[in-house]
Amino acid sequence: MAMDAISVIRTKRDRGELSDEQIDWVIDAYTRGRSPTSRCRRSRWRSCSTA
């Protein structure tokens, strides 16, 4: 199973259940600052765009 944001989002969008490995990947990516959301929070949303 692929471990990237797109596959995780697709799984949830399609009402699928995340595996333990996917959940671990999401938590690890977030805490290491590898997710867009964590980067936005760290920069206080200045460099993030919703457009």
C-alpha atoms as a PDB file:
ATOM      1  CA  MET A   1       0.000   0.000   0.000  1.00  0.00           C
ATOM      2  CA  ALA A   2       1.315   3.414  -0.958  1.00  0.00           C
ATOM      3  CA  MET A   3       2.149   5.842   1.794  1.00  0.00           C
ATOM      4  CA  ASP A   4       1.463   9.348   0.567  1.00  0.00           C
ATOM      5  CA  ALA A   5      -1.082  12.046   1.266  1.00  0.00           C
ATOM      6  CA  ILE A   6      -3.002  11.446  -1.939  1.00  0.00           C
ATOM      7  CA  SER A   7      -3.606   7.755  -1.237  1.00  0.00           C
ATOM      8  CA  VAL A   8      -4.665   8.519   2.332  1.00  0.00           C
ATOM      9  CA  ILE A   9      -7.075  11.222   1.178  1.00  0.00           C
ATOM     10  CA  ARG A  10      -8.509   8.964  -1.527  1.00  0.00           C
ATOM     11  CA  THR A  11      -9.055   6.169   0.968  1.00  0.00           C
ATOM     12  CA  LYS A  12     -10.972   8.462   3.314  1.00  0.00           C
ATOM     13  CA  ARG A  13     -12.847  10.159   0.461  1.00  0.00           C
ATOM     14  CA  ASP A  14     -14.020   6.754  -0.738  1.00  0.00           C
ATOM     15  CA  ARG A  15     -15.128   5.903   2.822  1.00  0.00           C
ATOM     16  CA  GLY A  16     -12.341   3.398   3.226  1.00  0.00           C
ATOM     17  CA  GLU A  17     -10.609   2.510   6.445  1.00  0.00           C
ATOM     18  CA  LEU A  18      -6.994   3.540   6.968  1.00  0.00           C
ATOM     19  CA  SER A  19      -4.549   0.809   7.866  1.00  0.00           C
ATOM     20  CA  ASP A  20      -2.404   1.078  10.978  1.00  0.00           C
ATOM     21  CA  GLU A  21       0.568   1.766   8.696  1.00  0.00           C
ATOM     22  CA  GLN A  22      -1.248   4.656   6.985  1.00  0.00           C
ATOM     23  CA  ILE A  23      -2.230   6.175  10.311  1.00  0.00           C
ATOM     24  CA  ASP A  24       1.354   5.888  11.549  1.00  0.00           C
ATOM     25  CA  TRP A  25       2.570   7.512   8.313  1.00  0.00           C
ATOM     26  CA  VAL A  26       0.157  10.455   8.699  1.00  0.00           C
ATOM     27  CA  ILE A  27       1.215  11.049  12.312  1.00  0.00           C
ATOM     28  CA  ASP A  28       4.905  10.793  11.419  1.00  0.00           C
ATOM     29  CA  ALA A  29       4.572  13.110   8.414  1.00  0.00           C
ATOM     30  CA  TYR A  30       2.673  15.677  10.460  1.00  0.00           C
ATOM     31  CA  THR A  31       5.063  15.686  13.407  1.00  0.00           C
ATOM     32  CA  ARG A  32       8.102  15.921  11.121  1.00  0.00           C
ATOM     33  CA  GLY A  33       6.591  18.867   9.251  1.00  0.00           C
ATOM     34  CA  ARG A  34       6.109  16.993   5.988  1.00  0.00           C
ATOM     35  CA  SER A  35       2.414  17.693   5.586  1.00  0.00           C
ATOM     36  CA  PRO A  36       1.062  20.946   4.118  1.00  0.00           C
ATOM     37  CA  THR A  37      -0.995  21.555   7.255  1.00  0.00           C
ATOM     38  CA  SER A  38       1.989  21.309   9.583  1.00  0.00           C
ATOM     39  CA  ARG A  39       4.001  23.674   7.385  1.00  0.00           C
ATOM     40  CA  CYS A  40       1.131  26.165   7.413  1.00  0.00           C
ATOM     41  CA  ARG A  41       0.817  26.036  11.177  1.00  0.00           C
ATOM     42  CA  ARG A  42       4.553  26.504  11.612  1.00  0.00           C
ATOM     43  CA  SER A  43       4.590  29.577   9.372  1.00  0.00           C
ATOM     44  CA  ARG A  44       1.376  30.909  10.937  1.00  0.00           C
ATOM     45  CA  TRP A  45      -0.417  30.557   7.582  1.00  0.00           C
ATOM     46  CA  ARG A  46       1.565  33.389   5.956  1.00  0.00           C
ATOM     47  CA  SER A  47       2.882  31.335   3.080  1.00  0.00           C
ATOM     48  CA  CYS A  48      -0.210  29.187   2.631  1.00  0.00           C
ATOM     49  CA  SER A  49      -2.852  29.858   0.070  1.00  0.00           C
ATOM     50  CA  THR A  50      -6.334  28.461  -0.242  1.00  0.00           C
ATOM     51  CA  ALA A  51      -6.661  29.641  -3.837  1.00  0.00           C
END
